[in-house]
C-alpha atoms as a PDB file:
ATOM      1  CA  MET A   1      -5.660  38.029  72.297  1.00  0.00           C
ATOM      2  CA  GLU A   2      -3.724  39.478  69.379  1.00  0.00           C
ATOM      3  CA  ARG A   3      -0.807  37.046  69.612  1.00  0.00           C
ATOM      4  CA  VAL A   4      -3.169  34.063  69.475  1.00  0.00           C
ATOM      5  CA  TRP A   5      -4.833  35.513  66.384  1.00  0.00           C
ATOM      6  CA  VAL A   6      -1.454  36.168  64.731  1.00  0.00           C
ATOM      7  CA  VAL A   7      -0.245  32.617  65.355  1.00  0.00           C
ATOM      8  CA  LYS A   8      -3.487  31.169  64.044  1.00  0.00           C
ATOM      9  CA  GLN A   9      -3.196  33.262  60.885  1.00  0.00           C
ATOM     10  CA  ILE A  10       0.371  32.051  60.348  1.00  0.00           C
ATOM     11  CA  ALA A  11      -0.682  28.465  60.985  1.00  0.00           C
ATOM     12  CA  ARG A  12      -3.538  28.621  58.479  1.00  0.00           C
ATOM     13  CA  GLU A  13      -1.085  29.684  55.795  1.00  0.00           C
ATOM     14  CA  GLN A  14       1.259  26.830  56.756  1.00  0.00           C
ATOM     15  CA  GLY A  15      -1.062  23.863  57.068  1.00  0.00           C
ATOM     16  CA  GLY A  16      -1.649  24.331  60.791  1.00  0.00           C
ATOM     17  CA  VAL A  17       2.047  24.542  61.718  1.00  0.00           C
ATOM     18  CA  VAL A  18       4.196  27.307  63.240  1.00  0.00           C
ATOM     19  CA  THR A  19       7.828  27.506  64.260  1.00  0.00           C
ATOM     20  CA  ARG A  20       9.047  28.490  67.711  1.00  0.00           C
ATOM     21  CA  ASP A  21      10.589  31.665  66.273  1.00  0.00           C
ATOM     22  CA  GLN A  22       7.275  32.643  64.677  1.00  0.00           C
ATOM     23  CA  ALA A  23       5.446  32.134  67.967  1.00  0.00           C
ATOM     24  CA  LEU A  24       8.049  34.196  69.840  1.00  0.00           C
ATOM     25  CA  ARG A  25       7.810  37.028  67.309  1.00  0.00           C
ATOM     26  CA  ALA A  26       4.016  36.947  67.660  1.00  0.00           C
ATOM     27  CA  GLY A  27       4.406  37.662  71.397  1.00  0.00           C
ATOM     28  CA  PHE A  28       4.414  34.258  73.110  1.00  0.00           C
ATOM     29  CA  SER A  29       7.048  33.690  75.766  1.00  0.00           C
ATOM     30  CA  ARG A  30       9.213  30.577  75.903  1.00  0.00           C
ATOM     31  CA  PHE A  31       7.422  29.554  79.094  1.00  0.00           C
ATOM     32  CA  GLU A  32       4.006  29.887  77.445  1.00  0.00           C
ATOM     33  CA  ILE A  33       5.108  27.817  74.446  1.00  0.00           C
ATOM     34  CA  ASP A  34       6.497  25.088  76.687  1.00  0.00           C
ATOM     35  CA  ASN A  35       3.292  25.086  78.725  1.00  0.00           C
ATOM     36  CA  LEU A  36       1.139  24.747  75.585  1.00  0.00           C
ATOM     37  CA  LEU A  37       3.246  21.761  74.565  1.00  0.00           C
ATOM     38  CA  ARG A  38       3.144  20.218  78.020  1.00  0.00           C
ATOM     39  CA  THR A  39      -0.647  20.461  78.218  1.00  0.00           C
ATOM     40  CA  GLY A  40      -1.102  19.029  74.712  1.00  0.00           C
ATOM     41  CA  ARG A  41      -2.716  22.122  73.197  1.00  0.00           C
ATOM     42  CA  TRP A  42       0.234  22.337  70.811  1.00  0.00           C
ATOM     43  CA  ARG A  43       2.097  19.312  69.485  1.00  0.00           C
ATOM     44  CA  ARG A  44       5.725  19.119  68.454  1.00  0.00           C
ATOM     45  CA  LEU A  45       6.012  17.856  64.863  1.00  0.00           C
ATOM     46  CA  ALA A  46       9.637  18.714  64.066  1.00  0.00           C
ATOM     47  CA  ARG A  47      12.536  20.498  65.716  1.00  0.00           C
ATOM     48  CA  ALA A  48      11.106  23.754  67.148  1.00  0.00           C
ATOM     49  CA  THR A  49       8.025  23.370  64.940  1.00  0.00           C
ATOM     50  CA  TYR A  50       4.540  22.728  66.290  1.00  0.00           C
ATOM     51  CA  VAL A  51       0.990  21.858  65.253  1.00  0.00           C
ATOM     52  CA  VAL A  52      -1.340  24.514  66.620  1.00  0.00           C
ATOM     53  CA  GLU A  53      -4.447  23.906  64.472  1.00  0.00           C
ATOM     54  CA  PRO A  54      -6.577  20.724  64.502  1.00  0.00           C
ATOM     55  CA  SER A  55      -5.887  18.212  61.745  1.00  0.00           C
ATOM     56  CA  SER A  56      -8.473  17.490  59.054  1.00  0.00           C
ATOM     57  CA  GLY A  57      -7.969  13.832  59.869  1.00  0.00           C
ATOM     58  CA  SER A  58      -6.987  12.762  56.344  1.00  0.00           C
ATOM     59  CA  ASP A  59      -3.748  10.853  55.820  1.00  0.00           C
ATOM     60  CA  LEU A  60      -2.779  13.158  52.949  1.00  0.00           C
ATOM     61  CA  ALA A  61      -3.235  16.307  55.040  1.00  0.00           C
ATOM     62  CA  GLU A  62      -1.285  14.837  57.945  1.00  0.00           C
ATOM     63  CA  ARG A  63       1.553  13.717  55.674  1.00  0.00           C
ATOM     64  CA  ARG A  64       1.804  17.155  54.053  1.00  0.00           C
ATOM     65  CA  ARG A  65       1.758  18.756  57.476  1.00  0.00           C
ATOM     66  CA  ARG A  66       4.655  16.524  58.487  1.00  0.00           C
ATOM     67  CA  ILE A  67       6.656  17.459  55.375  1.00  0.00           C
ATOM     68  CA  ARG A  68       5.907  21.149  55.832  1.00  0.00           C
ATOM     69  CA  ALA A  69       6.998  21.034  59.467  1.00  0.00           C
ATOM     70  CA  ALA A  70      10.280  19.332  58.570  1.00  0.00           C
ATOM     71  CA  LEU A  71      11.071  22.010  55.985  1.00  0.00           C
ATOM     72  CA  LEU A  72      10.071  24.893  58.254  1.00  0.00           C
ATOM     73  CA  SER A  73      12.316  23.538  60.987  1.00  0.00           C
ATOM     74  CA  LEU A  74      15.308  23.622  58.623  1.00  0.00           C
ATOM     75  CA  GLY A  75      15.042  27.187  57.402  1.00  0.00           C
ATOM     76  CA  PRO A  76      13.949  29.114  54.301  1.00  0.00           C
ATOM     77  CA  GLU A  77      16.344  27.382  51.892  1.00  0.00           C
ATOM     78  CA  ALA A  78      15.081  23.876  52.620  1.00  0.00           C
ATOM     79  CA  HIS A  79      12.889  22.254  49.970  1.00  0.00           C
ATOM     80  CA  ALA A  80      11.506  18.803  49.234  1.00  0.00           C
ATOM     81  CA  VAL A  81      13.351  16.645  46.699  1.00  0.00           C
ATOM     82  CA  LEU A  82      13.459  13.133  45.180  1.00  0.00           C
ATOM     83  CA  GLY A  83      10.685  10.793  46.353  1.00  0.00           C
ATOM     84  CA  THR A  84       9.120  13.389  48.629  1.00  0.00           C
ATOM     85  CA  ALA A  85       8.914  15.865  45.747  1.00  0.00           C
ATOM     86  CA  ALA A  86       7.344  13.199  43.517  1.00  0.00           C
ATOM     87  CA  GLU A  87       4.840  12.432  46.275  1.00  0.00           C
ATOM     88  CA  LEU A  88       3.842  16.086  46.557  1.00  0.00           C
ATOM     89  CA  HIS A  89       3.425  16.400  42.781  1.00  0.00           C
ATOM     90  CA  GLY A  90       1.273  13.261  42.684  1.00  0.00           C
ATOM     91  CA  ILE A  91       3.763  11.343  40.545  1.00  0.00           C
ATOM     92  CA  ALA A  92       3.460   7.598  41.232  1.00  0.00           C
ATOM     93  CA  GLY A  93       6.033   4.862  40.835  1.00  0.00           C
ATOM     94  CA  LEU A  94       7.808   4.603  44.173  1.00  0.00           C
ATOM     95  CA  PRO A  95       6.674   2.694  47.275  1.00  0.00           C
ATOM     96  CA  ARG A  96       5.111   4.710  50.059  1.00  0.00           C
ATOM     97  CA  MET A  97       7.807   6.058  52.309  1.00  0.00           C
ATOM     98  CA  ALA A  98       8.077   7.470  55.794  1.00  0.00           C
ATOM     99  CA  ALA A  99      11.316   9.307  55.004  1.00  0.00           C
ATOM    100  CA  ILE A 100      11.207  12.965  54.011  1.00  0.00           C
ATOM    101  CA  HIS A 101      13.880  13.930  51.496  1.00  0.00           C
ATOM    102  CA  VAL A 102      15.017  17.546  51.734  1.00  0.00           C
ATOM    103  CA  ALA A 103      17.700  19.631  50.061  1.00  0.00           C
ATOM    104  CA  LEU A 104      19.826  22.001  52.113  1.00  0.00           C
ATOM    105  CA  PRO A 105      22.770  24.174  51.122  1.00  0.00           C
ATOM    106  CA  GLY A 106      26.339  23.285  52.028  1.00  0.00           C
ATOM    107  CA  ARG A 107      27.071  22.001  55.518  1.00  0.00           C
ATOM    108  CA  SER A 108      23.453  22.503  56.555  1.00  0.00           C
ATOM    109  CA  ALA A 109      22.791  19.121  54.960  1.00  0.00           C
ATOM    110  CA  ARG A 110      24.577  17.267  57.749  1.00  0.00           C
ATOM    111  CA  PRO A 111      22.322  14.749  59.573  1.00  0.00           C
ATOM    112  CA  ALA A 112      23.380  16.236  62.914  1.00  0.00           C
ATOM    113  CA  ARG A 113      21.955  19.569  61.779  1.00  0.00           C
ATOM    114  CA  VAL A 114      18.643  17.937  60.890  1.00  0.00           C
ATOM    115  CA  GLY A 115      18.192  16.007  64.126  1.00  0.00           C
ATOM    116  CA  ASP A 116      15.352  13.812  62.855  1.00  0.00           C
ATOM    117  CA  PRO A 117      16.038  10.266  61.572  1.00  0.00           C
ATOM    118  CA  ALA A 118      12.966  10.415  59.334  1.00  0.00           C
ATOM    119  CA  VAL A 119      14.362  13.445  57.488  1.00  0.00           C
ATOM    120  CA  VAL A 120      16.997  12.600  54.883  1.00  0.00           C
ATOM    121  CA  PRO A 121      19.145  15.625  53.972  1.00  0.00           C
ATOM    122  CA  HIS A 122      20.797  16.097  50.577  1.00  0.00           C
ATOM    123  CA  GLN A 123      23.294  18.725  49.515  1.00  0.00           C
ATOM    124  CA  PHE A 124      21.779  19.758  46.171  1.00  0.00           C
ATOM    125  CA  ASP A 125      22.196  23.009  44.288  1.00  0.00           C
ATOM    126  CA  HIS A 126      18.994  23.963  42.506  1.00  0.00           C
ATOM    127  CA  LEU A 127      18.408  27.127  40.510  1.00  0.00           C
ATOM    128  CA  ASP A 128      15.370  29.272  41.291  1.00  0.00           C
ATOM    129  CA  GLY A 129      13.745  28.166  38.033  1.00  0.00           C
ATOM    130  CA  GLU A 130      13.960  24.544  39.146  1.00  0.00           C
ATOM    131  CA  LEU A 131      11.843  25.159  42.244  1.00  0.00           C
ATOM    132  CA  THR A 132       8.129  25.590  42.734  1.00  0.00           C
ATOM    133  CA  THR A 133       5.559  25.114  45.493  1.00  0.00           C
ATOM    134  CA  VAL A 134       2.798  22.564  46.098  1.00  0.00           C
ATOM    135  CA  ASP A 135       0.160  23.751  48.545  1.00  0.00           C
ATOM    136  CA  GLY A 136       2.718  26.324  49.695  1.00  0.00           C
ATOM    137  CA  ILE A 137       5.435  23.704  50.271  1.00  0.00           C
ATOM    138  CA  PRO A 138       8.747  24.454  48.489  1.00  0.00           C
ATOM    139  CA  VAL A 139       9.692  21.597  46.197  1.00  0.00           C
ATOM    140  CA  THR A 140      11.680  20.878  43.050  1.00  0.00           C
ATOM    141  CA  ALA A 141       9.653  21.331  39.858  1.00  0.00           C
ATOM    142  CA  PRO A 142       8.377  18.138  38.183  1.00  0.00           C
ATOM    143  CA  VAL A 143      11.065  18.051  35.466  1.00  0.00           C
ATOM    144  CA  ARG A 144      13.875  18.529  37.974  1.00  0.00           C
ATOM    145  CA  THR A 145      12.293  15.990  40.324  1.00  0.00           C
ATOM    146  CA  LEU A 146      12.108  13.370  37.589  1.00  0.00           C
ATOM    147  CA  ALA A 147      15.658  14.040  36.397  1.00  0.00           C
ATOM    148  CA  ASP A 148      17.024  13.588  39.925  1.00  0.00           C
ATOM    149  CA  LEU A 149      15.027  10.382  40.457  1.00  0.00           C
ATOM    150  CA  VAL A 150      15.589   8.729  37.089  1.00  0.00           C
ATOM    151  CA  LEU A 151      19.341   9.068  37.593  1.00  0.00           C
ATOM    152  CA  ARG A 152      19.056   7.138  40.866  1.00  0.00           C
ATOM    153  CA  GLU A 153      16.290   4.598  40.389  1.00  0.00           C
ATOM    154  CA  ARG A 154      16.380   1.207  38.728  1.00  0.00           C
ATOM    155  CA  ARG A 155      14.665   0.765  35.377  1.00  0.00           C
ATOM    156  CA  TYR A 156      11.170  -0.332  36.454  1.00  0.00           C
ATOM    157  CA  PRO A 157      10.505   2.424  39.020  1.00  0.00           C
ATOM    158  CA  ALA A 158      12.244   4.986  36.795  1.00  0.00           C
ATOM    159  CA  VAL A 159      10.005   4.212  33.808  1.00  0.00           C
ATOM    160  CA  ALA A 160       6.944   4.057  36.080  1.00  0.00           C
ATOM    161  CA  LEU A 161       7.725   7.557  37.376  1.00  0.00           C
ATOM    162  CA  LEU A 162       8.077   8.889  33.833  1.00  0.00           C
ATOM    163  CA  ASP A 163       4.867   7.168  32.708  1.00  0.00           C
ATOM    164  CA  SER A 164       2.952   8.579  35.671  1.00  0.00           C
ATOM    165  CA  ALA A 165       4.227  12.122  35.155  1.00  0.00           C
ATOM    166  CA  LEU A 166       3.267  12.016  31.473  1.00  0.00           C
ATOM    167  CA  ASN A 167      -0.129  10.451  32.106  1.00  0.00           C
ATOM    168  CA  ARG A 168      -1.032  12.982  34.802  1.00  0.00           C
ATOM    169  CA  GLY A 169       0.156  15.955  32.781  1.00  0.00           C
ATOM    170  CA  LYS A 170       2.994  16.875  35.133  1.00  0.00           C
ATOM    171  CA  VAL A 171       5.470  16.924  32.241  1.00  0.00           C
ATOM    172  CA  SER A 172       5.193  16.914  28.444  1.00  0.00           C
ATOM    173  CA  GLU A 173       6.924  14.956  25.708  1.00  0.00           C
ATOM    174  CA  ASP A 174       8.981  18.084  25.049  1.00  0.00           C
ATOM    175  CA  ASP A 175      10.090  18.087  28.686  1.00  0.00           C
ATOM    176  CA  LEU A 176      11.321  14.514  28.310  1.00  0.00           C
ATOM    177  CA  ARG A 177      13.197  15.362  25.125  1.00  0.00           C
ATOM    178  CA  ALA A 178      14.963  18.176  26.971  1.00  0.00           C
ATOM    179  CA  MET A 179      15.738  16.084  30.046  1.00  0.00           C
ATOM    180  CA  PRO A 180      19.040  14.523  28.813  1.00  0.00           C
ATOM    181  CA  ALA A 181      20.638  17.949  29.242  1.00  0.00           C
ATOM    182  CA  LEU A 182      19.923  17.622  32.968  1.00  0.00           C
ATOM    183  CA  PHE A 183      21.739  14.275  33.010  1.00  0.00           C
ATOM    184  CA  ALA A 184      24.945  15.634  31.517  1.00  0.00           C
ATOM    185  CA  ARG A 185      28.118  14.607  33.379  1.00  0.00           C
ATOM    186  CA  ARG A 186      26.094  12.947  36.124  1.00  0.00           C
ATOM    187  CA  ARG A 187      26.385   9.387  37.355  1.00  0.00           C
ATOM    188  CA  GLY A 188      23.707   7.145  35.849  1.00  0.00           C
ATOM    189  CA  ALA A 189      23.195   9.319  32.754  1.00  0.00           C
ATOM    190  CA  VAL A 190      23.492   6.473  30.232  1.00  0.00           C
ATOM    191  CA  ALA A 191      20.832   4.338  31.927  1.00  0.00           C
ATOM    192  CA  ALA A 192      18.622   7.380  32.538  1.00  0.00           C
ATOM    193  CA  ARG A 193      18.565   8.224  28.823  1.00  0.00           C
ATOM    194  CA  SER A 194      17.469   4.676  28.015  1.00  0.00           C
ATOM    195  CA  HIS A 195      14.637   4.947  30.556  1.00  0.00           C
ATOM    196  CA  LEU A 196      13.307   8.028  28.756  1.00  0.00           C
ATOM    197  CA  VAL A 197      12.940   6.044  25.533  1.00  0.00           C
ATOM    198  CA  GLU A 198      10.672   3.510  27.260  1.00  0.00           C
ATOM    199  CA  ALA A 199       8.303   6.045  28.797  1.00  0.00           C
ATOM    200  CA  ASN A 200       4.682   5.930  27.627  1.00  0.00           C
ATOM    201  CA  GLY A 201       2.087   8.325  28.993  1.00  0.00           C
ATOM    202  CA  ALA A 202      -0.768   5.947  28.150  1.00  0.00           C
ATOM    203  CA  ALA A 203       0.101   3.816  31.184  1.00  0.00           C
ATOM    204  CA  GLN A 204      -2.311   4.708  33.966  1.00  0.00           C
ATOM    205  CA  SER A 205      -0.524   3.102  36.916  1.00  0.00           C
ATOM    206  CA  PRO A 206       2.885   1.758  37.957  1.00  0.00           C
ATOM    207  CA  LEU A 207       1.393  -1.735  37.773  1.00  0.00           C
ATOM    208  CA  GLU A 208       0.555  -1.206  34.098  1.00  0.00           C
ATOM    209  CA  THR A 209       4.124  -0.023  33.516  1.00  0.00           C
ATOM    210  CA  ARG A 210       5.600  -3.063  35.228  1.00  0.00           C
ATOM    211  CA  THR A 211       3.306  -5.436  33.326  1.00  0.00           C
ATOM    212  CA  ARG A 212       4.249  -3.802  30.025  1.00  0.00           C
ATOM    213  CA  LEU A 213       7.967  -3.975  30.788  1.00  0.00           C
ATOM    214  CA  ARG A 214       7.710  -7.656  31.709  1.00  0.00           C
ATOM    215  CA  CYS A 215       6.114  -8.250  28.317  1.00  0.00           C
ATOM    216  CA  VAL A 216       8.843  -6.239  26.577  1.00  0.00           C
ATOM    217  CA  ASP A 217      11.583  -8.134  28.391  1.00  0.00           C
ATOM    218  CA  GLY A 218       9.905 -11.443  27.593  1.00  0.00           C
ATOM    219  CA  GLY A 219       9.774 -10.745  23.869  1.00  0.00           C
ATOM    220  CA  VAL A 220       5.995 -10.167  23.631  1.00  0.00           C
ATOM    221  CA  PRO A 221       5.599  -6.366  23.744  1.00  0.00           C
ATOM    222  CA  PRO A 222       2.018  -5.092  23.392  1.00  0.00           C
ATOM    223  CA  ASP A 223       1.381  -3.119  20.216  1.00  0.00           C
ATOM    224  CA  ILE A 224      -1.075  -0.739  21.890  1.00  0.00           C
ATOM    225  CA  LEU A 225      -1.947   0.622  25.330  1.00  0.00           C
ATOM    226  CA  GLN A 226      -5.485   1.544  26.332  1.00  0.00           C
ATOM    227  CA  VAL A 227      -6.914  -0.493  23.466  1.00  0.00           C
ATOM    228  CA  GLU A 228     -10.537   0.337  22.652  1.00  0.00           C
ATOM    229  CA  VAL A 229     -12.809  -2.526  21.613  1.00  0.00           C
ATOM    230  CA  ARG A 230     -15.969  -1.611  19.702  1.00  0.00           C
ATOM    231  CA  ASP A 231     -18.806  -3.604  18.219  1.00  0.00           C
ATOM    232  CA  ALA A 232     -19.836  -3.592  14.569  1.00  0.00           C
ATOM    233  CA  ASP A 233     -21.877  -0.427  15.119  1.00  0.00           C
ATOM    234  CA  GLY A 234     -18.959   1.405  16.732  1.00  0.00           C
ATOM    235  CA  HIS A 235     -20.253   1.217  20.291  1.00  0.00           C
ATOM    236  CA  LEU A 236     -17.483   1.008  22.896  1.00  0.00           C
ATOM    237  CA  LEU A 237     -17.479  -2.370  24.631  1.00  0.00           C
ATOM    238  CA  GLY A 238     -14.475  -1.739  26.851  1.00  0.00           C
ATOM    239  CA  VAL A 239     -10.920  -0.456  27.121  1.00  0.00           C
ATOM    240  CA  GLY A 240      -8.040  -2.817  27.887  1.00  0.00           C
ATOM    241  CA  ASP A 241      -4.816  -1.748  29.579  1.00  0.00           C
ATOM    242  CA  MET A 242      -2.691  -3.206  26.766  1.00  0.00           C
ATOM    243  CA  GLY A 243      -3.346  -5.325  23.739  1.00  0.00           C
ATOM    244  CA  TRP A 244      -2.129  -7.399  20.829  1.00  0.00           C
ATOM    245  CA  ARG A 245      -4.609  -6.423  18.151  1.00  0.00           C
ATOM    246  CA  SER A 246      -3.938  -9.007  15.465  1.00  0.00           C
ATOM    247  CA  ALA A 247      -4.372 -11.848  17.981  1.00  0.00           C
ATOM    248  CA  ARG A 248      -7.226 -10.083  19.794  1.00  0.00           C
ATOM    249  CA  VAL A 249      -5.584 -10.497  23.200  1.00  0.00           C
ATOM    250  CA  ILE A 250      -5.864  -7.990  26.045  1.00  0.00           C
ATOM    251  CA  ALA A 251      -3.888  -7.865  29.306  1.00  0.00           C
ATOM    252  CA  GLU A 252      -5.331  -6.142  32.347  1.00  0.00           C
ATOM    253  CA  ALA A 253      -3.210  -4.943  35.279  1.00  0.00           C
ATOM    254  CA  ASP A 254      -5.458  -5.330  38.326  1.00  0.00           C
ATOM    255  CA  GLY A 255      -4.361  -3.007  41.098  1.00  0.00           C
ATOM    256  CA  ARG A 256      -5.649  -3.738  44.579  1.00  0.00           C
ATOM    257  CA  ASP A 257      -7.441  -0.464  45.374  1.00  0.00           C
ATOM    258  CA  PRO A 258      -9.297   0.341  42.120  1.00  0.00           C
ATOM    259  CA  HIS A 259     -10.590  -3.186  41.595  1.00  0.00           C
ATOM    260  CA  THR A 260     -11.627  -4.375  45.064  1.00  0.00           C
ATOM    261  CA  ALA A 261     -14.737  -2.234  45.604  1.00  0.00           C
ATOM    262  CA  PRO A 262     -17.944  -4.195  44.871  1.00  0.00           C
ATOM    263  CA  ALA A 263     -19.049  -1.781  42.141  1.00  0.00           C
ATOM    264  CA  ALA A 264     -15.646  -1.994  40.452  1.00  0.00           C
ATOM    265  CA  LEU A 265     -15.668  -5.794  40.597  1.00  0.00           C
ATOM    266  CA  PHE A 266     -19.141  -5.871  39.078  1.00  0.00           C
ATOM    267  CA  GLU A 267     -18.123  -3.547  36.234  1.00  0.00           C
ATOM    268  CA  ASP A 268     -14.891  -5.495  35.614  1.00  0.00           C
ATOM    269  CA  ARG A 269     -16.822  -8.740  35.198  1.00  0.00           C
ATOM    270  CA  GLN A 270     -19.388  -7.190  32.863  1.00  0.00           C
ATOM    271  CA  ARG A 271     -16.686  -5.597  30.753  1.00  0.00           C
ATOM    272  CA  GLN A 272     -14.722  -8.847  30.567  1.00  0.00           C
ATOM    273  CA  ASN A 273     -17.848 -10.670  29.386  1.00  0.00           C
ATOM    274  CA  ARG A 274     -18.463  -8.058  26.677  1.00  0.00           C
ATOM    275  CA  LEU A 275     -14.874  -8.348  25.465  1.00  0.00           C
ATOM    276  CA  ALA A 276     -14.996 -12.155  25.487  1.00  0.00           C
ATOM    277  CA  ASN A 277     -18.238 -12.155  23.488  1.00  0.00           C
ATOM    278  CA  ALA A 278     -16.570  -9.845  20.978  1.00  0.00           C
ATOM    279  CA  GLY A 279     -13.885 -12.476  20.433  1.00  0.00           C
ATOM    280  CA  TRP A 280     -11.088 -11.127  22.656  1.00  0.00           C
ATOM    281  CA  THR A 281      -9.052 -13.118  25.162  1.00  0.00           C
ATOM    282  CA  VAL A 282      -8.650 -11.177  28.418  1.00  0.00           C
ATOM    283  CA  LEU A 283      -5.682 -11.900  30.694  1.00  0.00           C
ATOM    284  CA  ARG A 284      -5.461 -10.438  34.198  1.00  0.00           C
ATOM    285  CA  PHE A 285      -2.270  -9.770  36.157  1.00  0.00           C
ATOM    286  CA  THR A 286      -1.584  -8.484  39.670  1.00  0.00           C
ATOM    287  CA  TRP A 287       1.428  -6.928  41.369  1.00  0.00           C
ATOM    288  CA  PRO A 288       2.827 -10.267  42.650  1.00  0.00           C
ATOM    289  CA  ASP A 289       2.742 -11.546  39.059  1.00  0.00           C
ATOM    290  CA  THR A 290       5.187  -8.805  38.038  1.00  0.00           C
ATOM    291  CA  LEU A 291       7.715 -10.032  40.596  1.00  0.00           C
ATOM    292  CA  ARG A 292       8.295 -13.178  38.519  1.00  0.00           C
ATOM    293  CA  PRO A 293      10.208 -12.219  35.352  1.00  0.00           C
ATOM    294  CA  ASP A 294       8.975 -15.182  33.301  1.00  0.00           C
ATOM    295  CA  TYR A 295       5.332 -15.510  34.362  1.00  0.00           C
ATOM    296  CA  ILE A 296       3.591 -12.686  32.489  1.00  0.00           C
ATOM    297  CA  PRO A 297       5.353 -13.155  29.128  1.00  0.00           C
ATOM    298  CA  GLN A 298       4.802 -16.908  29.375  1.00  0.00           C
ATOM    299  CA  VAL A 299       1.044 -16.484  29.859  1.00  0.00           C
ATOM    300  CA  VAL A 300       0.818 -13.884  27.087  1.00  0.00           C
ATOM    301  CA  ARG A 301       2.859 -16.020  24.692  1.00  0.00           C
ATOM    302  CA  GLU A 302       0.606 -19.017  25.288  1.00  0.00           C
ATOM    303  CA  ALA A 303      -2.497 -16.883  24.717  1.00  0.00           C
ATOM    304  CA  LEU A 304      -1.062 -15.586  21.437  1.00  0.00           C
ATOM    305  CA  ARG A 305      -0.271 -19.157  20.321  1.00  0.00           C
ATOM    306  CA  THR A 306      -3.777 -20.313  21.211  1.00  0.00           C
ATOM    307  CA  ARG A 307      -5.353 -17.500  19.238  1.00  0.00           C
ATOM    308  CA  THR A 308      -3.114 -18.273  16.258  1.00  0.00           C
ATOM    309  CA  ARG A 309      -4.166 -21.942  16.321  1.00  0.00           C
ATOM    310  CA  LEU A 310      -7.858 -20.982  16.479  1.00  0.00           C
ATOM    311  CA  ARG A 311      -7.539 -18.750  13.427  1.00  0.00           C
ATOM    312  CA  SER A 312      -5.698 -21.378  11.356  1.00  0.00           C
END
């Protein structure tokens, strides 16, 4: 039937989701829509917005489908902002969230208008040039997303977001230099400008950012990130997350996912042995270690002292 084909075409362009209005315009009656929902052939995902195509089964696809449905249910001016925008752009630094942050104009941003406790509305005014799409989902552009977040977040997550965006090529150094203009006359501008100064695109994960900042705060800042260690013939022995070159000390930030697979563990151990044989001390830190302000700098400081004593 033509209406079924039309709805499927719309759904394929929208991640498997259609609105009630779209289904009605395609020729479905209200009774038919309600019957499809009642029999489970369609599934309600947001207010008057339904899944009509099977899911791919991946968590990422299902999450994007959920975000898309929330925005579709709120009208053409709705777009993803703040942490949800960062999530869509692949910018790391914030904990995983169930909430979906959306921007709506004027009084449309009232929670009663949204009708979904998982959807957090914000009354933001964004210019057309500050918006883009990710997989067809309307969202604030990376620079605007970062500016909005850095004004709101505490130092560690703010710097982690900036590091991630730089490392993944979502923004450039020039973008960061221009960002203070977006902070003008906004609450949190002074702190946000200081966060920009601490950003370093060499950090490859929020854990590396947190480890580095703990070292900075503890008075033992690393002098290099992604330090390459080579043998006398120039062959690469390994790359450390951060290092103190004169003391030949390296600190590794061991995230749970990248380092728990057997192959990754095997490679980590081999690399650590190569670095140790080359005369480097390798320290390893995990996320819980970063929750103690004094622990990481204390361990690094002791390692630096030990290396100094060995050289003297």
